[in-house]
N, C-alpha and C. Protein backbone atom coordinates (compact mmCIF):
# COMPACT_ATOMS: atom_id res chain seq x y z
N MET A 1 -36.57 34.29 -2.55
CA MET A 1 -35.72 34.97 -3.09
C MET A 1 -36.58 35.98 -2.99
N LEU A 2 -36.48 37.60 -2.50
CA LEU A 2 -37.60 38.51 -2.51
C LEU A 2 -37.15 39.43 -3.83
N ILE A 3 -38.14 39.69 -4.61
CA ILE A 3 -38.15 40.81 -5.86
C ILE A 3 -38.63 41.88 -5.68
N GLU A 4 -37.98 42.70 -5.77
CA GLU A 4 -38.46 44.17 -5.63
C GLU A 4 -39.48 44.45 -6.78
N HIS A 5 -40.73 45.15 -6.16
CA HIS A 5 -41.96 45.55 -7.05
C HIS A 5 -42.09 47.21 -6.33
N ARG A 6 -42.50 47.73 -7.61
CA ARG A 6 -42.47 49.28 -7.81
C ARG A 6 -41.73 49.92 -7.06
N GLY A 7 -40.15 49.53 -6.88
CA GLY A 7 -39.52 50.35 -6.18
C GLY A 7 -39.33 49.73 -4.42
N ALA A 8 -39.93 48.96 -4.30
CA ALA A 8 -40.01 48.58 -2.85
C ALA A 8 -39.90 47.01 -2.74
N ARG A 9 -38.75 46.85 -1.93
CA ARG A 9 -38.24 45.39 -1.62
C ARG A 9 -38.92 44.71 -0.33
N PRO A 10 -39.59 43.67 -0.37
CA PRO A 10 -40.24 43.06 0.77
C PRO A 10 -39.38 43.02 1.84
N THR A 11 -39.81 42.56 3.09
CA THR A 11 -38.89 42.19 4.24
C THR A 11 -39.83 41.08 4.55
N VAL A 12 -39.25 39.99 4.85
CA VAL A 12 -39.55 38.75 5.90
C VAL A 12 -38.84 38.77 6.97
N ASP A 13 -39.66 38.66 8.34
CA ASP A 13 -38.74 38.23 9.33
C ASP A 13 -38.37 36.85 9.54
N GLU A 14 -36.86 37.07 10.07
CA GLU A 14 -36.18 36.04 10.41
C GLU A 14 -37.22 34.66 10.80
N SER A 15 -37.84 35.15 11.58
CA SER A 15 -38.53 33.71 12.49
C SER A 15 -39.86 33.44 11.44
N ALA A 16 -40.17 34.06 10.40
CA ALA A 16 -40.94 33.74 9.27
C ALA A 16 -40.77 32.79 8.71
N TYR A 17 -41.63 31.60 8.31
CA TYR A 17 -41.60 30.43 7.33
C TYR A 17 -42.31 30.71 6.03
N VAL A 18 -41.79 31.13 5.03
CA VAL A 18 -42.28 31.26 3.69
C VAL A 18 -42.00 30.18 2.74
N SER A 19 -42.97 29.19 2.26
CA SER A 19 -42.81 27.89 1.24
C SER A 19 -41.89 28.38 0.14
N PRO A 20 -40.81 27.55 -0.06
CA PRO A 20 -40.04 28.10 -1.53
C PRO A 20 -41.07 28.15 -2.83
N ALA A 21 -42.00 27.33 -2.46
CA ALA A 21 -43.18 27.45 -3.62
C ALA A 21 -44.36 28.56 -3.70
N ALA A 22 -43.79 29.53 -2.66
CA ALA A 22 -45.09 30.53 -2.46
C ALA A 22 -44.78 31.57 -3.55
N VAL A 23 -46.37 31.71 -3.69
CA VAL A 23 -46.29 33.53 -4.82
C VAL A 23 -47.42 34.20 -4.14
N ILE A 24 -46.55 35.29 -3.39
CA ILE A 24 -47.35 36.37 -2.36
C ILE A 24 -47.87 37.15 -3.19
N GLY A 25 -49.24 37.59 -3.14
CA GLY A 25 -49.83 38.44 -4.00
C GLY A 25 -50.78 39.24 -3.01
N ALA A 26 -50.74 39.07 -1.66
CA ALA A 26 -51.40 39.41 -0.66
C ALA A 26 -50.97 40.09 0.48
N GLU A 27 -51.27 40.95 1.26
CA GLU A 27 -50.68 41.86 2.21
C GLU A 27 -51.19 41.47 3.55
N VAL A 28 -49.94 40.86 4.51
CA VAL A 28 -50.39 40.13 5.62
C VAL A 28 -49.56 41.17 6.84
N ARG A 29 -50.75 41.96 7.63
CA ARG A 29 -50.24 42.69 8.37
C ARG A 29 -49.75 42.20 9.73
N ILE A 30 -49.00 42.99 10.36
CA ILE A 30 -48.83 42.58 12.23
C ILE A 30 -49.12 41.67 12.48
N HIS A 31 -48.63 40.70 12.74
CA HIS A 31 -49.10 39.42 13.69
C HIS A 31 -50.15 38.88 12.83
N GLY A 32 -50.26 39.12 11.58
CA GLY A 32 -51.33 38.39 11.21
C GLY A 32 -50.73 37.02 10.56
N VAL A 33 -51.36 35.94 10.54
CA VAL A 33 -50.84 34.74 10.03
C VAL A 33 -52.15 34.09 9.26
N VAL A 34 -51.15 33.24 8.32
CA VAL A 34 -51.67 32.57 7.59
C VAL A 34 -51.38 30.90 7.42
N GLN A 35 -52.45 30.39 7.77
CA GLN A 35 -52.48 28.90 8.02
C GLN A 35 -51.50 28.18 6.93
N VAL A 36 -51.08 27.05 7.25
CA VAL A 36 -50.43 26.16 6.17
C VAL A 36 -51.36 25.76 5.38
N ASN A 37 -51.26 25.56 3.65
CA ASN A 37 -52.02 24.97 3.10
C ASN A 37 -52.97 26.20 2.85
N THR A 38 -53.10 27.16 3.16
CA THR A 38 -54.22 28.20 2.85
C THR A 38 -54.17 28.85 1.08
N ARG A 39 -55.17 28.97 1.02
CA ARG A 39 -54.49 29.84 -0.50
C ARG A 39 -55.78 31.30 -0.25
N VAL A 40 -54.70 32.21 -0.01
CA VAL A 40 -55.12 33.38 -0.20
C VAL A 40 -55.31 34.28 -1.50
N SER A 41 -55.92 34.99 -1.83
CA SER A 41 -56.36 35.47 -3.24
C SER A 41 -55.66 36.51 -3.33
N ALA A 42 -55.17 36.77 -4.30
CA ALA A 42 -54.26 38.19 -4.97
C ALA A 42 -55.02 39.66 -4.41
N GLY A 43 -54.48 40.13 -3.57
CA GLY A 43 -55.30 41.69 -3.23
C GLY A 43 -55.74 41.32 -1.85
N THR A 44 -55.81 40.37 -1.52
CA THR A 44 -56.75 39.90 0.00
C THR A 44 -55.88 40.80 0.88
N VAL A 45 -56.41 41.28 2.07
CA VAL A 45 -55.42 41.65 3.15
C VAL A 45 -55.60 41.03 4.37
N VAL A 46 -55.06 40.35 4.95
CA VAL A 46 -54.98 39.83 6.50
C VAL A 46 -54.83 40.88 7.35
N PRO A 47 -55.61 41.63 7.94
CA PRO A 47 -55.58 42.85 8.97
C PRO A 47 -54.77 42.09 10.11
N ILE A 48 -54.53 43.17 11.01
CA ILE A 48 -53.50 43.07 12.01
C ILE A 48 -54.30 42.20 13.19
N ARG A 49 -53.71 40.91 13.56
CA ARG A 49 -54.26 39.99 14.50
C ARG A 49 -55.23 39.23 13.83
N TRP A 50 -55.40 39.04 12.56
CA TRP A 50 -56.59 38.10 12.16
C TRP A 50 -55.84 36.72 11.81
N VAL A 51 -56.37 35.61 11.17
CA VAL A 51 -55.88 34.33 10.99
C VAL A 51 -56.74 34.39 9.60
N ALA A 52 -55.66 33.67 8.38
CA ALA A 52 -56.57 33.47 7.12
C ALA A 52 -56.35 31.61 7.22
N VAL A 53 -57.37 31.12 7.04
CA VAL A 53 -57.21 29.77 7.11
C VAL A 53 -58.12 28.99 5.98
N GLY A 54 -57.99 28.13 5.53
CA GLY A 54 -58.55 27.28 4.33
C GLY A 54 -58.39 27.80 2.88
N ASP A 55 -59.22 26.82 2.05
CA ASP A 55 -58.80 26.89 0.48
C ASP A 55 -60.24 27.04 -0.25
N PRO A 56 -60.91 28.17 -0.20
CA PRO A 56 -60.23 29.59 -0.34
C PRO A 56 -60.11 30.09 1.10
N ALA A 57 -59.30 30.62 1.34
CA ALA A 57 -59.17 31.41 2.85
C ALA A 57 -60.39 32.13 3.33
N GLN A 58 -60.79 31.93 4.75
CA GLN A 58 -61.55 32.51 5.43
C GLN A 58 -60.63 33.33 6.53
N LEU A 59 -60.98 34.69 6.90
CA LEU A 59 -60.39 35.31 7.86
C LEU A 59 -61.00 35.34 9.12
N PHE A 60 -60.40 35.34 10.30
CA PHE A 60 -61.02 35.23 11.42
C PHE A 60 -60.11 36.43 12.33
N SER A 61 -60.95 37.01 13.07
CA SER A 61 -60.34 38.19 14.19
C SER A 61 -59.98 37.01 15.59
N VAL A 62 -58.92 37.29 15.89
CA VAL A 62 -58.11 37.18 17.08
C VAL A 62 -58.64 37.71 18.42
N ILE A 63 -59.32 37.34 19.23
CA ILE A 63 -59.82 38.14 20.39
C ILE A 63 -59.07 37.76 21.69
N ASP A 64 -58.30 38.61 22.32
CA ASP A 64 -57.70 38.02 23.47
C ASP A 64 -58.64 37.64 24.64
N GLY A 65 -58.35 36.74 25.22
CA GLY A 65 -59.06 36.42 26.20
C GLY A 65 -58.89 36.43 27.60
């Protein structure tokens, strides 16, 4: 269930998986990835093409080889 907040309704791509127990208070930008079992603090931004991993999350830049 997606809940409207401050007049905006979130969108999640059909190919994305979000756990039914997830509570999202962070921003994951285009091609940002949050690894399974990762805890991202509220207010965190996962930048474009970065990966969040761990509990608490650490952010890593993805470098094209």
